[in-house]
Amino acid sequence: MLEYIKKKVAEEDPNLTDLSQPRLLKNFRYFAEIALMLIQRRGGHDMEADRLKCWLYEASFGLHPVKPGRIKRHL
């Protein structure tokens, strides 16, 4: 998923250009959180799996259709 996000950013996906600067910064924050989690290889607890799903959703916001109520927020 991180490779997909990187590709979309590199290609300057039109969906991203519609996002506000604060939203883009939020996307970047969660992208960085995921990368750090993977680098540090913290334990694979269920809570971390749920948090990872939420962070992936946030990092890829604007690159997928919004489905309200589908992802629990752990922010």
Protein backbone atom coordinates (compact mmCIF):
# COMPACT_ATOMS: atom_id res chain seq x y z
CA MET A 1 0.00 0.00 0.00
CA LEU A 2 2.85 2.40 0.74
CA GLU A 3 4.24 1.76 -2.75
CA TYR A 4 0.81 2.52 -4.21
CA ILE A 5 0.65 5.81 -2.31
CA LYS A 6 4.19 6.73 -3.37
CA LYS A 7 3.29 5.99 -7.00
CA LYS A 8 0.16 8.13 -6.87
CA VAL A 9 2.08 11.04 -5.34
CA ALA A 10 4.86 10.72 -7.91
CA GLU A 11 2.30 10.66 -10.72
CA GLU A 12 0.62 13.75 -9.22
CA ASP A 13 -2.74 11.98 -9.07
CA PRO A 14 -5.54 14.52 -9.71
CA ASN A 15 -7.42 13.26 -6.64
CA LEU A 16 -4.58 14.52 -4.47
CA THR A 17 -4.59 17.98 -6.01
CA ASP A 18 -8.18 18.41 -4.77
CA LEU A 19 -7.11 17.91 -1.14
CA SER A 20 -6.36 20.82 1.16
CA GLN A 21 -2.85 21.37 2.49
CA PRO A 22 -3.87 20.34 6.04
CA ARG A 23 -5.34 17.10 4.64
CA LEU A 24 -2.19 16.39 2.63
CA LEU A 25 -0.11 16.92 5.77
CA LYS A 26 -2.36 14.48 7.61
CA ASN A 27 -1.86 11.93 4.82
CA PHE A 28 1.90 12.38 5.09
CA ARG A 29 1.81 12.04 8.89
CA TYR A 30 0.09 8.67 8.70
CA PHE A 31 2.33 7.51 5.86
CA ALA A 32 5.32 8.30 8.10
CA GLU A 33 3.73 6.57 11.12
CA ILE A 34 3.24 3.39 9.07
CA ALA A 35 6.80 3.51 7.76
CA LEU A 36 8.18 3.91 11.29
CA MET A 37 5.99 1.09 12.59
CA LEU A 38 7.34 -1.21 9.88
CA ILE A 39 10.95 -0.15 10.49
CA GLN A 40 10.68 -0.67 14.25
CA ARG A 41 8.82 -3.98 13.77
CA ARG A 42 6.82 -3.57 16.93
CA GLY A 43 4.80 -6.59 18.03
CA GLY A 44 1.90 -7.78 15.93
CA HIS A 45 -0.84 -7.25 18.49
CA ASP A 46 -4.44 -7.00 17.35
CA MET A 47 -4.59 -3.39 18.49
CA GLU A 48 -1.63 -2.55 16.28
CA ALA A 49 -3.27 -4.31 13.34
CA ASP A 50 -6.38 -2.17 13.85
CA ARG A 51 -4.25 0.95 14.20
CA LEU A 52 -2.36 0.05 11.02
CA LYS A 53 -5.64 -0.31 9.10
CA CYS A 54 -6.74 3.10 10.31
CA TRP A 55 -3.38 4.68 9.46
CA LEU A 56 -3.46 3.13 5.97
CA TYR A 57 -6.91 4.57 5.45
CA GLU A 58 -5.72 8.01 6.56
CA ALA A 59 -2.49 7.87 4.54
CA SER A 60 -4.37 6.96 1.36
CA PHE A 61 -7.25 9.40 1.91
CA GLY A 62 -8.32 10.90 -1.39
CA LEU A 63 -6.99 7.96 -3.40
CA HIS A 64 -9.98 5.72 -2.71
CA PRO A 65 -13.76 6.15 -2.44
CA VAL A 66 -14.93 7.21 1.01
CA LYS A 67 -16.99 4.56 2.79
CA PRO A 68 -18.35 6.14 6.00
CA GLY A 69 -18.30 3.99 9.10
CA ARG A 70 -16.15 1.28 7.54
CA ILE A 71 -12.92 2.01 9.43
CA LYS A 72 -12.80 2.58 13.17
CA ARG A 73 -10.83 5.70 14.02
CA HIS A 74 -7.97 5.31 16.52
CA LEU A 75 -6.71 8.86 16.33
